[in-house]
Amino acid sequence: MNLKRILKEFGCYQRNKKTEWRLSAGVFTGENEAVEYLDDIAEKYIIGQSIVDIKNESYGELVTFVLSNGFELRFHSNEGCGGCGNGWYTCPPSDLIDTRENGNVITRVAVQDPENAEYGTYSVFIYSLDKRIIQADFSGEDNGYYGVGIWAEVVIPEDVMAKLCS
């Protein structure tokens, strides 16, 4: 890995008193450029890695795929209204399908968005060769005020960055 490129592309953030390096892939609300950007970071940091762990956190609002290089591919759902269900998208554990076997190497990451951006399901697909090994479905709806969709980021945890820098 080229540490200079990582430091140039990733931003440094504090989370829970720990330092993380993040590269965001944008919001998926039917905008093709966001999906293309995911393709770009997948090519650099995800393709060729295996998934070693999956975490479904915050009531399905955050799904994290821990990769064999220690990086994390995170998908966050849109957070909507604090007083009602509008704009909230979640991926409960029952909507996460994991058919991978040990040793599967990621060859493609894709996102399918609904035809109508105000409601529906955003599906994340992870492939090994031509076989779909992961499907995560984030579902929700909005009344036009709180937003829709999901966004992705690649995160380098503090301990992994320390190893890269040593």
C-alpha atoms as a PDB file:
ATOM      1  CA  MET A   1       0.000   0.000   0.000  1.00  0.00           C
ATOM      2  CA  ASN A   2       1.156   3.465  -0.813  1.00  0.00           C
ATOM      3  CA  LEU A   3       1.012   5.317   2.515  1.00  0.00           C
ATOM      4  CA  LYS A   4       1.445   8.744   0.871  1.00  0.00           C
ATOM      5  CA  ARG A   5      -1.600   8.118  -1.350  1.00  0.00           C
ATOM      6  CA  ILE A   6      -3.651   6.944   1.627  1.00  0.00           C
ATOM      7  CA  LEU A   7      -2.775  10.026   3.660  1.00  0.00           C
ATOM      8  CA  LYS A   8      -3.645  12.246   0.673  1.00  0.00           C
ATOM      9  CA  GLU A   9      -7.003  10.565  -0.083  1.00  0.00           C
ATOM     10  CA  PHE A  10      -8.263   9.766   3.409  1.00  0.00           C
ATOM     11  CA  GLY A  11      -9.333  12.283   6.045  1.00  0.00           C
ATOM     12  CA  CYS A  12      -8.467  11.904   9.724  1.00  0.00           C
ATOM     13  CA  TYR A  13     -11.346  11.909  12.239  1.00  0.00           C
ATOM     14  CA  GLN A  14     -11.848  11.323  15.941  1.00  0.00           C
ATOM     15  CA  ARG A  15     -14.545   8.766  16.900  1.00  0.00           C
ATOM     16  CA  ASN A  16     -15.081   7.504  20.432  1.00  0.00           C
ATOM     17  CA  LYS A  17     -11.676   8.913  21.442  1.00  0.00           C
ATOM     18  CA  LYS A  18      -9.971   6.917  18.671  1.00  0.00           C
ATOM     19  CA  THR A  19      -8.428   8.197  15.471  1.00  0.00           C
ATOM     20  CA  GLU A  20      -9.749   6.826  12.186  1.00  0.00           C
ATOM     21  CA  TRP A  21      -8.840   7.539   8.594  1.00  0.00           C
ATOM     22  CA  ARG A  22     -11.914   7.714   6.325  1.00  0.00           C
ATOM     23  CA  LEU A  23     -12.610   7.917   2.616  1.00  0.00           C
ATOM     24  CA  SER A  24     -16.270   8.614   1.886  1.00  0.00           C
ATOM     25  CA  ALA A  25     -18.026   7.260  -1.193  1.00  0.00           C
ATOM     26  CA  GLY A  26     -20.928   9.690  -1.151  1.00  0.00           C
ATOM     27  CA  VAL A  27     -24.682   9.379  -0.782  1.00  0.00           C
ATOM     28  CA  PHE A  28     -26.638   6.888  -2.864  1.00  0.00           C
ATOM     29  CA  THR A  29     -29.862   8.605  -3.833  1.00  0.00           C
ATOM     30  CA  GLY A  30     -30.044   7.546  -7.443  1.00  0.00           C
ATOM     31  CA  GLU A  31     -27.057   9.648  -8.524  1.00  0.00           C
ATOM     32  CA  ASN A  32     -24.815   7.590 -10.802  1.00  0.00           C
ATOM     33  CA  GLU A  33     -21.684   9.564  -9.938  1.00  0.00           C
ATOM     34  CA  ALA A  34     -21.819   8.295  -6.341  1.00  0.00           C
ATOM     35  CA  VAL A  35     -21.882   4.692  -7.528  1.00  0.00           C
ATOM     36  CA  GLU A  36     -18.986   5.393  -9.884  1.00  0.00           C
ATOM     37  CA  TYR A  37     -17.020   6.843  -6.981  1.00  0.00           C
ATOM     38  CA  LEU A  38     -17.665   3.666  -4.981  1.00  0.00           C
ATOM     39  CA  ASP A  39     -16.258   1.737  -7.943  1.00  0.00           C
ATOM     40  CA  ASP A  40     -13.111   3.871  -7.778  1.00  0.00           C
ATOM     41  CA  ILE A  41     -12.421   3.300  -4.075  1.00  0.00           C
ATOM     42  CA  ALA A  42     -13.423  -0.366  -4.374  1.00  0.00           C
ATOM     43  CA  GLU A  43     -10.798  -0.826  -7.059  1.00  0.00           C
ATOM     44  CA  LYS A  44      -8.096   0.745  -4.857  1.00  0.00           C
ATOM     45  CA  TYR A  45      -8.958  -0.589  -1.388  1.00  0.00           C
ATOM     46  CA  ILE A  46     -11.603  -3.348  -1.446  1.00  0.00           C
ATOM     47  CA  ILE A  47     -11.175  -5.566  -4.526  1.00  0.00           C
ATOM     48  CA  GLY A  48      -8.872  -8.489  -3.755  1.00  0.00           C
ATOM     49  CA  GLN A  49      -9.647  -8.497  -0.026  1.00  0.00           C
ATOM     50  CA  SER A  50     -11.771 -11.020   1.864  1.00  0.00           C
ATOM     51  CA  ILE A  51     -14.462 -10.246   4.426  1.00  0.00           C
ATOM     52  CA  VAL A  52     -13.309 -11.504   7.831  1.00  0.00           C
ATOM     53  CA  ASP A  53     -16.155 -10.101   9.949  1.00  0.00           C
ATOM     54  CA  ILE A  54     -19.542  -8.399   9.568  1.00  0.00           C
ATOM     55  CA  LYS A  55     -20.970  -6.020  12.183  1.00  0.00           C
ATOM     56  CA  ASN A  56     -24.573  -4.821  12.059  1.00  0.00           C
ATOM     57  CA  GLU A  57     -24.730  -1.956  14.543  1.00  0.00           C
ATOM     58  CA  SER A  58     -27.025   0.830  15.729  1.00  0.00           C
ATOM     59  CA  TYR A  59     -30.271  -1.020  15.032  1.00  0.00           C
ATOM     60  CA  GLY A  60     -29.243  -1.712  11.438  1.00  0.00           C
ATOM     61  CA  GLU A  61     -28.222   1.850  10.626  1.00  0.00           C
ATOM     62  CA  LEU A  62     -24.556   0.873  10.191  1.00  0.00           C
ATOM     63  CA  VAL A  63     -23.250  -2.284   8.529  1.00  0.00           C
ATOM     64  CA  THR A  64     -19.478  -2.784   8.661  1.00  0.00           C
ATOM     65  CA  PHE A  65     -17.516  -5.307   6.625  1.00  0.00           C
ATOM     66  CA  VAL A  66     -14.068  -5.898   8.151  1.00  0.00           C
ATOM     67  CA  LEU A  67     -11.616  -6.735   5.364  1.00  0.00           C
ATOM     68  CA  SER A  68      -8.587  -8.983   5.421  1.00  0.00           C
ATOM     69  CA  ASN A  69      -6.244  -5.943   5.160  1.00  0.00           C
ATOM     70  CA  GLY A  70      -7.814  -4.524   8.356  1.00  0.00           C
ATOM     71  CA  PHE A  71      -9.712  -1.783   6.530  1.00  0.00           C
ATOM     72  CA  GLU A  72     -13.459  -1.499   7.107  1.00  0.00           C
ATOM     73  CA  LEU A  73     -16.100  -0.966   4.428  1.00  0.00           C
ATOM     74  CA  ARG A  74     -19.009   0.771   6.175  1.00  0.00           C
ATOM     75  CA  PHE A  75     -22.504   1.450   4.869  1.00  0.00           C
ATOM     76  CA  HIS A  76     -24.505   4.048   6.833  1.00  0.00           C
ATOM     77  CA  SER A  77     -28.197   4.584   6.363  1.00  0.00           C
ATOM     78  CA  ASN A  78     -29.800   7.989   6.071  1.00  0.00           C
ATOM     79  CA  GLU A  79     -30.854   9.366   9.450  1.00  0.00           C
ATOM     80  CA  GLY A  80     -34.241  11.030   9.221  1.00  0.00           C
ATOM     81  CA  CYS A  81     -36.660  12.833  11.502  1.00  0.00           C
ATOM     82  CA  GLY A  82     -36.061  12.543  15.239  1.00  0.00           C
ATOM     83  CA  GLY A  83     -39.786  12.434  15.993  1.00  0.00           C
ATOM     84  CA  CYS A  84     -41.130  10.081  13.311  1.00  0.00           C
ATOM     85  CA  GLY A  85     -39.994   7.385  10.895  1.00  0.00           C
ATOM     86  CA  ASN A  86     -39.570   9.604   7.826  1.00  0.00           C
ATOM     87  CA  GLY A  87     -36.152   9.439   6.214  1.00  0.00           C
ATOM     88  CA  TRP A  88     -34.843   6.549   8.304  1.00  0.00           C
ATOM     89  CA  TYR A  89     -33.295   3.650   6.390  1.00  0.00           C
ATOM     90  CA  THR A  90     -32.177   0.491   8.166  1.00  0.00           C
ATOM     91  CA  CYS A  91     -30.731  -2.919   7.422  1.00  0.00           C
ATOM     92  CA  PRO A  92     -31.934  -5.201  10.225  1.00  0.00           C
ATOM     93  CA  PRO A  93     -29.969  -8.450  10.650  1.00  0.00           C
ATOM     94  CA  SER A  94     -32.770 -10.333   8.871  1.00  0.00           C
ATOM     95  CA  ASP A  95     -32.086  -8.248   5.734  1.00  0.00           C
ATOM     96  CA  LEU A  96     -28.389  -9.146   5.630  1.00  0.00           C
ATOM     97  CA  ILE A  97     -27.761 -12.251   3.548  1.00  0.00           C
ATOM     98  CA  ASP A  98     -24.300 -13.802   3.962  1.00  0.00           C
ATOM     99  CA  THR A  99     -23.539 -16.757   1.691  1.00  0.00           C
ATOM    100  CA  ARG A 100     -19.758 -16.394   1.640  1.00  0.00           C
ATOM    101  CA  GLU A 101     -17.346 -19.108   2.552  1.00  0.00           C
ATOM    102  CA  ASN A 102     -13.923 -18.628   4.104  1.00  0.00           C
ATOM    103  CA  GLY A 103     -11.402 -17.443   1.554  1.00  0.00           C
ATOM    104  CA  ASN A 104     -13.804 -15.679  -0.812  1.00  0.00           C
ATOM    105  CA  VAL A 105     -12.033 -12.768  -2.441  1.00  0.00           C
ATOM    106  CA  ILE A 106     -14.061  -9.653  -3.300  1.00  0.00           C
ATOM    107  CA  THR A 107     -14.176  -8.971  -7.039  1.00  0.00           C
ATOM    108  CA  ARG A 108     -16.983  -6.395  -7.210  1.00  0.00           C
ATOM    109  CA  VAL A 109     -19.170  -4.148  -5.025  1.00  0.00           C
ATOM    110  CA  ALA A 110     -22.465  -2.844  -6.421  1.00  0.00           C
ATOM    111  CA  VAL A 111     -25.385  -0.770  -5.161  1.00  0.00           C
ATOM    112  CA  GLN A 112     -28.896  -0.979  -6.559  1.00  0.00           C
ATOM    113  CA  ASP A 113     -31.191   1.915  -5.781  1.00  0.00           C
ATOM    114  CA  PRO A 114     -34.979   2.012  -6.025  1.00  0.00           C
ATOM    115  CA  GLU A 115     -36.665   3.649  -9.005  1.00  0.00           C
ATOM    116  CA  ASN A 116     -38.490   6.113  -6.738  1.00  0.00           C
ATOM    117  CA  ALA A 117     -35.979   7.734  -4.373  1.00  0.00           C
ATOM    118  CA  GLU A 118     -38.672   8.685  -1.803  1.00  0.00           C
ATOM    119  CA  TYR A 119     -39.194   5.081  -0.707  1.00  0.00           C
ATOM    120  CA  GLY A 120     -37.823   1.621  -1.318  1.00  0.00           C
ATOM    121  CA  THR A 121     -34.765  -0.477  -0.737  1.00  0.00           C
ATOM    122  CA  TYR A 122     -31.124   0.298  -1.426  1.00  0.00           C
ATOM    123  CA  SER A 123     -29.310  -3.019  -1.881  1.00  0.00           C
ATOM    124  CA  VAL A 124     -25.570  -3.511  -1.457  1.00  0.00           C
ATOM    125  CA  PHE A 125     -24.136  -6.521  -3.272  1.00  0.00           C
ATOM    126  CA  ILE A 126     -20.642  -7.920  -2.785  1.00  0.00           C
ATOM    127  CA  TYR A 127     -19.380 -10.479  -5.288  1.00  0.00           C
ATOM    128  CA  SER A 128     -16.629 -13.068  -5.408  1.00  0.00           C
ATOM    129  CA  LEU A 129     -16.052 -13.836  -9.069  1.00  0.00           C
ATOM    130  CA  ASP A 130     -19.582 -13.957 -10.521  1.00  0.00           C
ATOM    131  CA  LYS A 131     -21.166 -15.237  -7.297  1.00  0.00           C
ATOM    132  CA  ARG A 132     -23.056 -12.852  -5.003  1.00  0.00           C
ATOM    133  CA  ILE A 133     -21.719 -13.520  -1.483  1.00  0.00           C
ATOM    134  CA  ILE A 134     -23.304 -10.638   0.453  1.00  0.00           C
ATOM    135  CA  GLN A 135     -26.578  -8.773   0.132  1.00  0.00           C
ATOM    136  CA  ALA A 136     -27.508  -5.988   2.556  1.00  0.00           C
ATOM    137  CA  ASP A 137     -30.910  -4.348   2.062  1.00  0.00           C
ATOM    138  CA  PHE A 138     -31.484  -0.881   3.573  1.00  0.00           C
ATOM    139  CA  SER A 139     -35.195  -0.035   3.449  1.00  0.00           C
ATOM    140  CA  GLY A 140     -37.137   3.076   4.373  1.00  0.00           C
ATOM    141  CA  GLU A 141     -39.196   5.966   3.105  1.00  0.00           C
ATOM    142  CA  ASP A 142     -39.362   9.730   3.249  1.00  0.00           C
ATOM    143  CA  ASN A 143     -41.965  12.453   2.846  1.00  0.00           C
ATOM    144  CA  GLY A 144     -39.559  14.687   0.915  1.00  0.00           C
ATOM    145  CA  TYR A 145     -38.033  16.532   3.875  1.00  0.00           C
ATOM    146  CA  TYR A 146     -35.500  14.248   5.571  1.00  0.00           C
ATOM    147  CA  GLY A 147     -33.572  12.531   2.798  1.00  0.00           C
ATOM    148  CA  VAL A 148     -33.162   8.992   1.553  1.00  0.00           C
ATOM    149  CA  GLY A 149     -30.582   6.342   0.869  1.00  0.00           C
ATOM    150  CA  ILE A 150     -27.269   5.140   2.169  1.00  0.00           C
ATOM    151  CA  TRP A 151     -23.661   6.231   2.001  1.00  0.00           C
ATOM    152  CA  ALA A 152     -20.424   4.316   2.146  1.00  0.00           C
ATOM    153  CA  GLU A 153     -16.934   4.861   3.454  1.00  0.00           C
ATOM    154  CA  VAL A 154     -13.706   2.967   3.739  1.00  0.00           C
ATOM    155  CA  VAL A 155     -12.188   3.338   7.205  1.00  0.00           C
ATOM    156  CA  ILE A 156      -8.696   2.550   8.418  1.00  0.00           C
ATOM    157  CA  PRO A 157      -8.885   1.949  12.185  1.00  0.00           C
ATOM    158  CA  GLU A 158      -6.209   3.490  14.398  1.00  0.00           C
ATOM    159  CA  ASP A 159      -4.412   0.193  15.064  1.00  0.00           C
ATOM    160  CA  VAL A 160      -4.226  -0.655  11.347  1.00  0.00           C
ATOM    161  CA  MET A 161      -2.886   2.802  10.504  1.00  0.00           C
ATOM    162  CA  ALA A 162      -0.233   2.407  13.210  1.00  0.00           C
ATOM    163  CA  LYS A 163       0.925  -0.826  11.548  1.00  0.00           C
ATOM    164  CA  LEU A 164       1.032   0.858   8.110  1.00  0.00           C
ATOM    165  CA  CYS A 165       3.141   3.701   9.516  1.00  0.00           C
ATOM    166  CA  SER A 166       5.642   1.480  11.297  1.00  0.00           C
END
